C-alpha cells in the first residue's frame, strides 16, 4: 500500500528523455528500483506482522493514529508513533550523510546502503531470535524502530538523489503523473514506462513480502531484504570511486 507524501519529493517532475536520464543518473535508477522492491517487502511485513503499522509510508501511520484514537480495533497509537519517530530519525541520518557525501552521488549511495543494510541486518537478527509471533511485543517494537530507521534513511537518500519517478516509497504522485501528464489530460504524453515499472516493482515486492510473511514468517522477508540490500551495496561499492558525470551532486 502507498500513501501521498511530501510534495517536495521528486515524483512529480517532468519525465526526462531516456538519453538525458542515462547521462544524468547513470546506474542510479537500477539501484533505486531494488529499493522500491524493498519498500514493498518491508511494508508487507510491517502491516501484516507488526500490528497494522507502516514503516515506509508515513501518511498511513498518521491515518492509523486517527483510527486508533477513534477506537478502531487492530491499530496502535504507540506503534504508529514509534514508526514515525524512527522514520524521522532515519531521515536525519540520511540527511547528514547527504551533507557529508552528497557531492559524489556514487559514494553517497554506497555509504547510505551500508548503513541501511546494518539496520535491516539487525532487524533480521531480532526476528530470528524472537521466533514466535512478535505482534505487540518487545521484539515487534524493536523491529519497528530498526525498519523505520532504514526506511527513513532510504527516503532521504532517494530525495537527495532526485532521480525522476523513483522516490522508492511514494507512488501516489507517480500515478497522478501518469494521468495528469497524459494526452487525455492535455499534457505532452511522455512515456509512462518508468512510472509503471516503479508501480509494478513495488506491487511485486508487496506480493512477495505478503507470501513470505504468511507462509514462512517475518525472518524470511527480512532475509530477502538483506540479500537485496547486500547486492545493492556491492554494486554501489564499485560505483563509489567512479568519476563519471552522473556522480556529481550538490
C-alpha atoms as a PDB file:
ATOM      1  CA  UNK A   1       0.000   0.000   0.000  1.00  0.00           C
ATOM      2  CA  UNK A   2       1.127   3.560  -0.563  1.00  0.00           C
ATOM      3  CA  UNK A   3       0.112   6.999   0.525  1.00  0.00           C
ATOM      4  CA  UNK A   4       0.655  10.548  -0.653  1.00  0.00           C
ATOM      5  CA  UNK A   5       3.706  12.103   0.908  1.00  0.00           C
ATOM      6  CA  UNK A   6       5.729  15.286   0.892  1.00  0.00           C
ATOM      7  CA  UNK A   7       5.121  17.229  -2.324  1.00  0.00           C
ATOM      8  CA  UNK A   8       8.802  18.043  -2.164  1.00  0.00           C
ATOM      9  CA  UNK A   9       9.509  14.502  -3.339  1.00  0.00           C
ATOM     10  CA  UNK A  10      10.585  14.375  -6.953  1.00  0.00           C
ATOM     11  CA  UNK A  11       7.994  12.040  -8.476  1.00  0.00           C
ATOM     12  CA  UNK A  12       6.029  14.929  -9.990  1.00  0.00           C
ATOM     13  CA  UNK A  13       8.931  16.208 -12.044  1.00  0.00           C
ATOM     14  CA  UNK A  14       8.549  16.131 -15.823  1.00  0.00           C
ATOM     15  CA  UNK A  15       9.825  12.912 -17.339  1.00  0.00           C
ATOM     16  CA  UNK A  16      13.224  13.361 -18.934  1.00  0.00           C
ATOM     17  CA  UNK A  17      14.176  11.767 -22.270  1.00  0.00           C
ATOM     18  CA  UNK A  18      15.817   8.373 -21.838  1.00  0.00           C
ATOM     19  CA  UNK A  19      19.233   9.533 -23.054  1.00  0.00           C
ATOM     20  CA  UNK A  20      19.185  12.529 -20.730  1.00  0.00           C
ATOM     21  CA  UNK A  21      18.265  10.318 -17.767  1.00  0.00           C
ATOM     22  CA  UNK A  22      21.082   7.910 -18.583  1.00  0.00           C
ATOM     23  CA  UNK A  23      23.553  10.784 -18.852  1.00  0.00           C
ATOM     24  CA  UNK A  24      22.422  12.494 -15.654  1.00  0.00           C
ATOM     25  CA  UNK A  25      21.794   9.496 -13.416  1.00  0.00           C
ATOM     26  CA  UNK A  26      23.925   6.639 -14.750  1.00  0.00           C
ATOM     27  CA  UNK A  27      23.234   3.359 -12.899  1.00  0.00           C
ATOM     28  CA  UNK A  28      21.283   5.016 -10.056  1.00  0.00           C
ATOM     29  CA  UNK A  29      17.819   4.043 -11.420  1.00  0.00           C
ATOM     30  CA  UNK A  30      18.622   0.320 -11.272  1.00  0.00           C
ATOM     31  CA  UNK A  31      19.733   0.692  -7.634  1.00  0.00           C
ATOM     32  CA  UNK A  32      16.580   2.620  -6.767  1.00  0.00           C
ATOM     33  CA  UNK A  33      14.353   0.004  -8.392  1.00  0.00           C
ATOM     34  CA  UNK A  34      15.811  -2.528  -5.955  1.00  0.00           C
ATOM     35  CA  UNK A  35      14.979  -0.176  -3.079  1.00  0.00           C
ATOM     36  CA  UNK A  36      11.442   0.171  -4.441  1.00  0.00           C
ATOM     37  CA  UNK A  37      11.047  -3.600  -4.193  1.00  0.00           C
ATOM     38  CA  UNK A  38      12.441  -3.450  -0.652  1.00  0.00           C
ATOM     39  CA  UNK A  39       9.683  -0.975   0.238  1.00  0.00           C
ATOM     40  CA  UNK A  40       7.017  -3.431  -0.879  1.00  0.00           C
ATOM     41  CA  UNK A  41       8.641  -6.176   1.174  1.00  0.00           C
ATOM     42  CA  UNK A  42       9.011  -4.115   4.337  1.00  0.00           C
ATOM     43  CA  UNK A  43       5.510  -2.675   4.324  1.00  0.00           C
ATOM     44  CA  UNK A  44       4.058  -6.143   3.792  1.00  0.00           C
ATOM     45  CA  UNK A  45       5.809  -7.487   6.867  1.00  0.00           C
ATOM     46  CA  UNK A  46       5.167  -4.382   8.984  1.00  0.00           C
ATOM     47  CA  UNK A  47       1.447  -4.243   8.219  1.00  0.00           C
ATOM     48  CA  UNK A  48       0.768  -7.975   8.373  1.00  0.00           C
ATOM     49  CA  UNK A  49       3.062  -8.922  11.236  1.00  0.00           C
ATOM     50  CA  UNK A  50       3.832  -5.859  13.366  1.00  0.00           C
ATOM     51  CA  UNK A  51       0.313  -4.728  14.156  1.00  0.00           C
ATOM     52  CA  UNK A  52      -1.109  -2.736  11.238  1.00  0.00           C
ATOM     53  CA  UNK A  53       1.690  -0.203  11.022  1.00  0.00           C
ATOM     54  CA  UNK A  54       3.763   1.114   8.134  1.00  0.00           C
ATOM     55  CA  UNK A  55       7.476   1.801   8.405  1.00  0.00           C
ATOM     56  CA  UNK A  56       7.933   3.256   4.910  1.00  0.00           C
ATOM     57  CA  UNK A  57       4.783   5.304   4.252  1.00  0.00           C
ATOM     58  CA  UNK A  58       4.171   7.836   6.980  1.00  0.00           C
ATOM     59  CA  UNK A  59       0.805   9.151   5.823  1.00  0.00           C
ATOM     60  CA  UNK A  60      -0.631   5.735   6.588  1.00  0.00           C
ATOM     61  CA  UNK A  61       0.641   5.970  10.151  1.00  0.00           C
ATOM     62  CA  UNK A  62      -0.964   9.373  10.667  1.00  0.00           C
ATOM     63  CA  UNK A  63      -4.256   7.907   9.468  1.00  0.00           C
ATOM     64  CA  UNK A  64      -3.803   4.859  11.721  1.00  0.00           C
ATOM     65  CA  UNK A  65      -3.284   7.106  14.747  1.00  0.00           C
ATOM     66  CA  UNK A  66      -6.629   8.692  13.908  1.00  0.00           C
ATOM     67  CA  UNK A  67      -8.259   5.260  13.589  1.00  0.00           C
ATOM     68  CA  UNK A  68      -6.852   4.173  16.963  1.00  0.00           C
ATOM     69  CA  UNK A  69      -7.922   7.414  18.617  1.00  0.00           C
ATOM     70  CA  UNK A  70     -11.464   6.794  17.384  1.00  0.00           C
ATOM     71  CA  UNK A  71     -11.439   3.322  18.937  1.00  0.00           C
ATOM     72  CA  UNK A  72     -10.966   1.214  15.805  1.00  0.00           C
ATOM     73  CA  UNK A  73      -9.718  -2.276  16.623  1.00  0.00           C
ATOM     74  CA  UNK A  74      -6.337  -3.548  15.449  1.00  0.00           C
ATOM     75  CA  UNK A  75      -4.467  -0.231  15.419  1.00  0.00           C
ATOM     76  CA  UNK A  76      -1.907   1.004  17.933  1.00  0.00           C
ATOM     77  CA  UNK A  77      -1.141   4.662  18.603  1.00  0.00           C
ATOM     78  CA  UNK A  78       2.159   3.655  20.208  1.00  0.00           C
ATOM     79  CA  UNK A  79       3.300   1.538  17.245  1.00  0.00           C
ATOM     80  CA  UNK A  80       2.379   4.168  14.655  1.00  0.00           C
ATOM     81  CA  UNK A  81       4.041   6.980  16.592  1.00  0.00           C
ATOM     82  CA  UNK A  82       7.134   4.847  17.196  1.00  0.00           C
ATOM     83  CA  UNK A  83       7.385   4.079  13.475  1.00  0.00           C
ATOM     84  CA  UNK A  84       7.053   7.767  12.642  1.00  0.00           C
ATOM     85  CA  UNK A  85       9.731   8.850  15.136  1.00  0.00           C
ATOM     86  CA  UNK A  86      12.123   6.123  13.923  1.00  0.00           C
ATOM     87  CA  UNK A  87      11.465   7.105  10.303  1.00  0.00           C
ATOM     88  CA  UNK A  88      12.270  10.750  11.069  1.00  0.00           C
ATOM     89  CA  UNK A  89      15.462   9.724  12.858  1.00  0.00           C
ATOM     90  CA  UNK A  90      16.488   7.651   9.849  1.00  0.00           C
ATOM     91  CA  UNK A  91      15.779  10.606   7.570  1.00  0.00           C
ATOM     92  CA  UNK A  92      18.068  12.752   9.739  1.00  0.00           C
ATOM     93  CA  UNK A  93      20.821  10.161   9.290  1.00  0.00           C
ATOM     94  CA  UNK A  94      20.240  10.211   5.535  1.00  0.00           C
ATOM     95  CA  UNK A  95      20.303  13.992   5.502  1.00  0.00           C
ATOM     96  CA  UNK A  96      23.581  14.087   7.391  1.00  0.00           C
ATOM     97  CA  UNK A  97      25.128  11.566   5.016  1.00  0.00           C
ATOM     98  CA  UNK A  98      23.919  13.693   2.120  1.00  0.00           C
ATOM     99  CA  UNK A  99      25.502  16.797   3.614  1.00  0.00           C
ATOM    100  CA  UNK A 100      28.808  14.964   4.070  1.00  0.00           C
ATOM    101  CA  UNK A 101      28.916  12.863   0.894  1.00  0.00           C
ATOM    102  CA  UNK A 102      26.278  14.264  -1.458  1.00  0.00           C
ATOM    103  CA  UNK A 103      28.767  15.900  -3.792  1.00  0.00           C
ATOM    104  CA  UNK A 104      29.653  12.406  -5.051  1.00  0.00           C
ATOM    105  CA  UNK A 105      26.414  10.517  -5.615  1.00  0.00           C
ATOM    106  CA  UNK A 106      28.130   7.165  -6.038  1.00  0.00           C
ATOM    107  CA  UNK A 107      29.914   7.458  -2.700  1.00  0.00           C
ATOM    108  CA  UNK A 108      26.759   8.810  -1.074  1.00  0.00           C
ATOM    109  CA  UNK A 109      24.502   5.918  -2.082  1.00  0.00           C
ATOM    110  CA  UNK A 110      27.244   3.419  -1.216  1.00  0.00           C
ATOM    111  CA  UNK A 111      27.644   4.594   2.380  1.00  0.00           C
ATOM    112  CA  UNK A 112      23.895   5.035   2.805  1.00  0.00           C
ATOM    113  CA  UNK A 113      23.336   1.464   1.623  1.00  0.00           C
ATOM    114  CA  UNK A 114      25.893   0.165   4.120  1.00  0.00           C
ATOM    115  CA  UNK A 115      24.020   1.866   6.951  1.00  0.00           C
ATOM    116  CA  UNK A 116      20.634   0.681   5.729  1.00  0.00           C
ATOM    117  CA  UNK A 117      21.958  -2.853   5.413  1.00  0.00           C
ATOM    118  CA  UNK A 118      23.159  -2.686   9.029  1.00  0.00           C
ATOM    119  CA  UNK A 119      19.680  -1.659  10.227  1.00  0.00           C
ATOM    120  CA  UNK A 120      17.940  -4.420   8.258  1.00  0.00           C
ATOM    121  CA  UNK A 121      20.566  -6.992   9.270  1.00  0.00           C
ATOM    122  CA  UNK A 122      19.952  -6.117  12.918  1.00  0.00           C
ATOM    123  CA  UNK A 123      16.203  -6.497  12.336  1.00  0.00           C
ATOM    124  CA  UNK A 124      16.806  -9.937  10.846  1.00  0.00           C
ATOM    125  CA  UNK A 125      18.732 -10.991  13.964  1.00  0.00           C
ATOM    126  CA  UNK A 126      15.872  -9.778  16.180  1.00  0.00           C
ATOM    127  CA  UNK A 127      13.287 -11.664  14.092  1.00  0.00           C
ATOM    128  CA  UNK A 128      15.298 -14.891  14.195  1.00  0.00           C
ATOM    129  CA  UNK A 129      15.774 -14.591  17.957  1.00  0.00           C
ATOM    130  CA  UNK A 130      12.048 -13.902  18.557  1.00  0.00           C
ATOM    131  CA  UNK A 131      10.862 -16.996  16.631  1.00  0.00           C
ATOM    132  CA  UNK A 132       7.245 -16.887  17.805  1.00  0.00           C
ATOM    133  CA  UNK A 133       4.573 -14.333  16.968  1.00  0.00           C
ATOM    134  CA  UNK A 134       6.003 -10.881  17.561  1.00  0.00           C
ATOM    135  CA  UNK A 135       2.963  -8.615  17.315  1.00  0.00           C
ATOM    136  CA  UNK A 136       2.746  -6.141  20.228  1.00  0.00           C
ATOM    137  CA  UNK A 137       5.841  -7.497  21.946  1.00  0.00           C
ATOM    138  CA  UNK A 138       9.237  -6.008  22.714  1.00  0.00           C
ATOM    139  CA  UNK A 139      10.738  -7.644  19.565  1.00  0.00           C
ATOM    140  CA  UNK A 140       7.961  -6.108  17.430  1.00  0.00           C
ATOM    141  CA  UNK A 141       8.752  -2.623  18.724  1.00  0.00           C
ATOM    142  CA  UNK A 142      12.450  -3.248  18.136  1.00  0.00           C
ATOM    143  CA  UNK A 143      11.673  -4.251  14.550  1.00  0.00           C
ATOM    144  CA  UNK A 144       9.521  -1.160  14.039  1.00  0.00           C
ATOM    145  CA  UNK A 145      12.387   1.050  15.201  1.00  0.00           C
ATOM    146  CA  UNK A 146      15.067  -0.671  13.102  1.00  0.00           C
ATOM    147  CA  UNK A 147      12.952  -0.838   9.958  1.00  0.00           C
ATOM    148  CA  UNK A 148      11.682   2.704  10.457  1.00  0.00           C
ATOM    149  CA  UNK A 149      15.281   3.915  10.662  1.00  0.00           C
ATOM    150  CA  UNK A 150      16.144   2.002   7.485  1.00  0.00           C
ATOM    151  CA  UNK A 151      13.210   3.403   5.530  1.00  0.00           C
ATOM    152  CA  UNK A 152      13.635   6.968   6.737  1.00  0.00           C
ATOM    153  CA  UNK A 153      17.239   6.773   5.589  1.00  0.00           C
ATOM    154  CA  UNK A 154      16.153   5.335   2.232  1.00  0.00           C
ATOM    155  CA  UNK A 155      13.633   8.123   1.688  1.00  0.00           C
ATOM    156  CA  UNK A 156      16.186  10.825   2.460  1.00  0.00           C
ATOM    157  CA  UNK A 157      18.684   9.248   0.075  1.00  0.00           C
ATOM    158  CA  UNK A 158      16.181   8.943  -2.779  1.00  0.00           C
ATOM    159  CA  UNK A 159      15.065  12.532  -2.223  1.00  0.00           C
ATOM    160  CA  UNK A 160      18.650  13.791  -2.320  1.00  0.00           C
ATOM    161  CA  UNK A 161      19.482  11.821  -5.471  1.00  0.00           C
ATOM    162  CA  UNK A 162      16.407  13.218  -7.218  1.00  0.00           C
ATOM    163  CA  UNK A 163      16.027  10.586  -9.937  1.00  0.00           C
ATOM    164  CA  UNK A 164      12.636  11.323 -11.585  1.00  0.00           C
ATOM    165  CA  UNK A 165       9.787   8.941 -10.668  1.00  0.00           C
ATOM    166  CA  UNK A 166      11.973   6.866  -8.341  1.00  0.00           C
ATOM    167  CA  UNK A 167      11.308   8.081  -4.814  1.00  0.00           C
ATOM    168  CA  UNK A 168      11.251   4.329  -3.882  1.00  0.00           C
ATOM    169  CA  UNK A 169       8.286   4.600  -1.492  1.00  0.00           C
ATOM    170  CA  UNK A 170       5.699   7.122  -2.737  1.00  0.00           C
ATOM    171  CA  UNK A 171       3.503   6.106  -5.663  1.00  0.00           C
ATOM    172  CA  UNK A 172       0.577   8.487  -5.314  1.00  0.00           C
ATOM    173  CA  UNK A 173       2.334  11.307  -7.162  1.00  0.00           C
ATOM    174  CA  UNK A 174       3.810   8.813  -9.629  1.00  0.00           C
ATOM    175  CA  UNK A 175       0.355   7.520 -10.546  1.00  0.00           C
ATOM    176  CA  UNK A 176      -1.010  11.067 -10.639  1.00  0.00           C
ATOM    177  CA  UNK A 177       1.711  11.975 -13.113  1.00  0.00           C
ATOM    178  CA  UNK A 178       0.721   9.132 -15.435  1.00  0.00           C
ATOM    179  CA  UNK A 179      -2.806  10.529 -15.680  1.00  0.00           C
ATOM    180  CA  UNK A 180      -2.141  14.271 -15.390  1.00  0.00           C
ATOM    181  CA  UNK A 181       0.658  14.293 -17.985  1.00  0.00           C
ATOM    182  CA  UNK A 182      -1.242  12.134 -20.462  1.00  0.00           C
ATOM    183  CA  UNK A 183      -2.571  13.390 -23.803  1.00  0.00           C
ATOM    184  CA  UNK A 184      -6.090  12.784 -22.483  1.00  0.00           C
ATOM    185  CA  UNK A 185      -5.455  15.362 -19.742  1.00  0.00           C
ATOM    186  CA  UNK A 186      -3.923  17.826 -22.204  1.00  0.00           C
ATOM    187  CA  UNK A 187      -0.351  17.022 -21.267  1.00  0.00           C
ATOM    188  CA  UNK A 188       2.597  16.188 -23.508  1.00  0.00           C
ATOM    189  CA  UNK A 189       2.020  12.450 -23.156  1.00  0.00           C
ATOM    190  CA  UNK A 190       5.531  11.370 -22.063  1.00  0.00           C
ATOM    191  CA  UNK A 191       6.290   7.686 -21.919  1.00  0.00           C
ATOM    192  CA  UNK A 192       4.949   6.257 -18.648  1.00  0.00           C
ATOM    193  CA  UNK A 193       7.318   3.270 -18.708  1.00  0.00           C
ATOM    194  CA  UNK A 194       9.428   4.314 -15.704  1.00  0.00           C
ATOM    195  CA  UNK A 195       6.390   5.216 -13.621  1.00  0.00           C
ATOM    196  CA  UNK A 196       4.608   1.984 -14.485  1.00  0.00           C
ATOM    197  CA  UNK A 197       7.772  -0.013 -13.795  1.00  0.00           C
ATOM    198  CA  UNK A 198       8.120   1.605 -10.344  1.00  0.00           C
ATOM    199  CA  UNK A 199       4.489   0.805  -9.562  1.00  0.00           C
ATOM    200  CA  UNK A 200       4.830  -2.791 -10.707  1.00  0.00           C
ATOM    201  CA  UNK A 201       8.086  -3.229  -8.788  1.00  0.00           C
ATOM    202  CA  UNK A 202       6.518  -2.151  -5.507  1.00  0.00           C
ATOM    203  CA  UNK A 203       3.465  -4.334  -6.151  1.00  0.00           C
ATOM    204  CA  UNK A 204       5.648  -7.374  -6.786  1.00  0.00           C
ATOM    205  CA  UNK A 205       7.656  -6.587  -3.662  1.00  0.00           C
ATOM    206  CA  UNK A 206       4.477  -6.338  -1.579  1.00  0.00           C
ATOM    207  CA  UNK A 207       3.069  -9.569  -3.007  1.00  0.00           C
ATOM    208  CA  UNK A 208       6.331 -11.384  -2.376  1.00  0.00           C
ATOM    209  CA  UNK A 209       6.546  -9.956   1.132  1.00  0.00           C
ATOM    210  CA  UNK A 210       2.986 -10.993   1.936  1.00  0.00           C
ATOM    211  CA  UNK A 211       3.555 -14.514   0.602  1.00  0.00           C
ATOM    212  CA  UNK A 212       6.762 -14.981   2.609  1.00  0.00           C
ATOM    213  CA  UNK A 213       5.256 -13.461   5.755  1.00  0.00           C
ATOM    214  CA  UNK A 214       2.161 -15.646   5.683  1.00  0.00           C
ATOM    215  CA  UNK A 215       3.967 -18.853   4.705  1.00  0.00           C
ATOM    216  CA  UNK A 216       7.379 -18.587   6.353  1.00  0.00           C
ATOM    217  CA  UNK A 217       7.315 -15.689   8.797  1.00  0.00           C
ATOM    218  CA  UNK A 218       8.967 -12.336   9.304  1.00  0.00           C
ATOM    219  CA  UNK A 219      12.555 -13.582   9.201  1.00  0.00           C
ATOM    220  CA  UNK A 220      12.125 -14.878   5.646  1.00  0.00           C
ATOM    221  CA  UNK A 221      11.135 -11.426   4.377  1.00  0.00           C
ATOM    222  CA  UNK A 222      13.958  -9.725   6.236  1.00  0.00           C
ATOM    223  CA  UNK A 223      16.420 -12.272   4.876  1.00  0.00           C
ATOM    224  CA  UNK A 224      15.350 -11.442   1.318  1.00  0.00           C
ATOM    225  CA  UNK A 225      15.632  -7.719   2.080  1.00  0.00           C
ATOM    226  CA  UNK A 226      19.135  -8.299   3.436  1.00  0.00           C
ATOM    227  CA  UNK A 227      20.157 -10.114   0.250  1.00  0.00           C
ATOM    228  CA  UNK A 228      18.773  -7.339  -1.973  1.00  0.00           C
ATOM    229  CA  UNK A 229      20.498  -4.622   0.034  1.00  0.00           C
ATOM    230  CA  UNK A 230      23.758  -6.588   0.086  1.00  0.00           C
ATOM    231  CA  UNK A 231      23.559  -6.818  -3.707  1.00  0.00           C
ATOM    232  CA  UNK A 232      22.991  -3.067  -3.918  1.00  0.00           C
ATOM    233  CA  UNK A 233      25.856  -2.450  -1.501  1.00  0.00           C
ATOM    234  CA  UNK A 234      28.239  -4.486  -3.645  1.00  0.00           C
ATOM    235  CA  UNK A 235      27.221  -2.620  -6.776  1.00  0.00           C
ATOM    236  CA  UNK A 236      27.379   0.746  -5.012  1.00  0.00           C
ATOM    237  CA  UNK A 237      30.862  -0.031  -3.684  1.00  0.00           C
ATOM    238  CA  UNK A 238      32.056  -0.397  -7.251  1.00  0.00           C
ATOM    239  CA  UNK A 239      30.491   2.963  -8.120  1.00  0.00           C
ATOM    240  CA  UNK A 240      31.855   4.841  -5.107  1.00  0.00           C
ATOM    241  CA  UNK A 241      35.152   5.602  -6.846  1.00  0.00           C
ATOM    242  CA  UNK A 242      33.638   6.468 -10.233  1.00  0.00           C
ATOM    243  CA  UNK A 243      34.419   9.851 -11.772  1.00  0.00           C
ATOM    244  CA  UNK A 244      31.686   9.767 -14.418  1.00  0.00           C
ATOM    245  CA  UNK A 245      29.483  12.873 -14.828  1.00  0.00           C
ATOM    246  CA  UNK A 246      26.421  11.309 -13.145  1.00  0.00           C
ATOM    247  CA  UNK A 247      28.298  11.118  -9.830  1.00  0.00           C
ATOM    248  CA  UNK A 248      28.369  14.894  -9.467  1.00  0.00           C
ATOM    249  CA  UNK A 249      25.921  16.020  -6.815  1.00  0.00           C
ATOM    250  CA  UNK A 250      25.271  19.190  -4.887  1.00  0.00           C
END
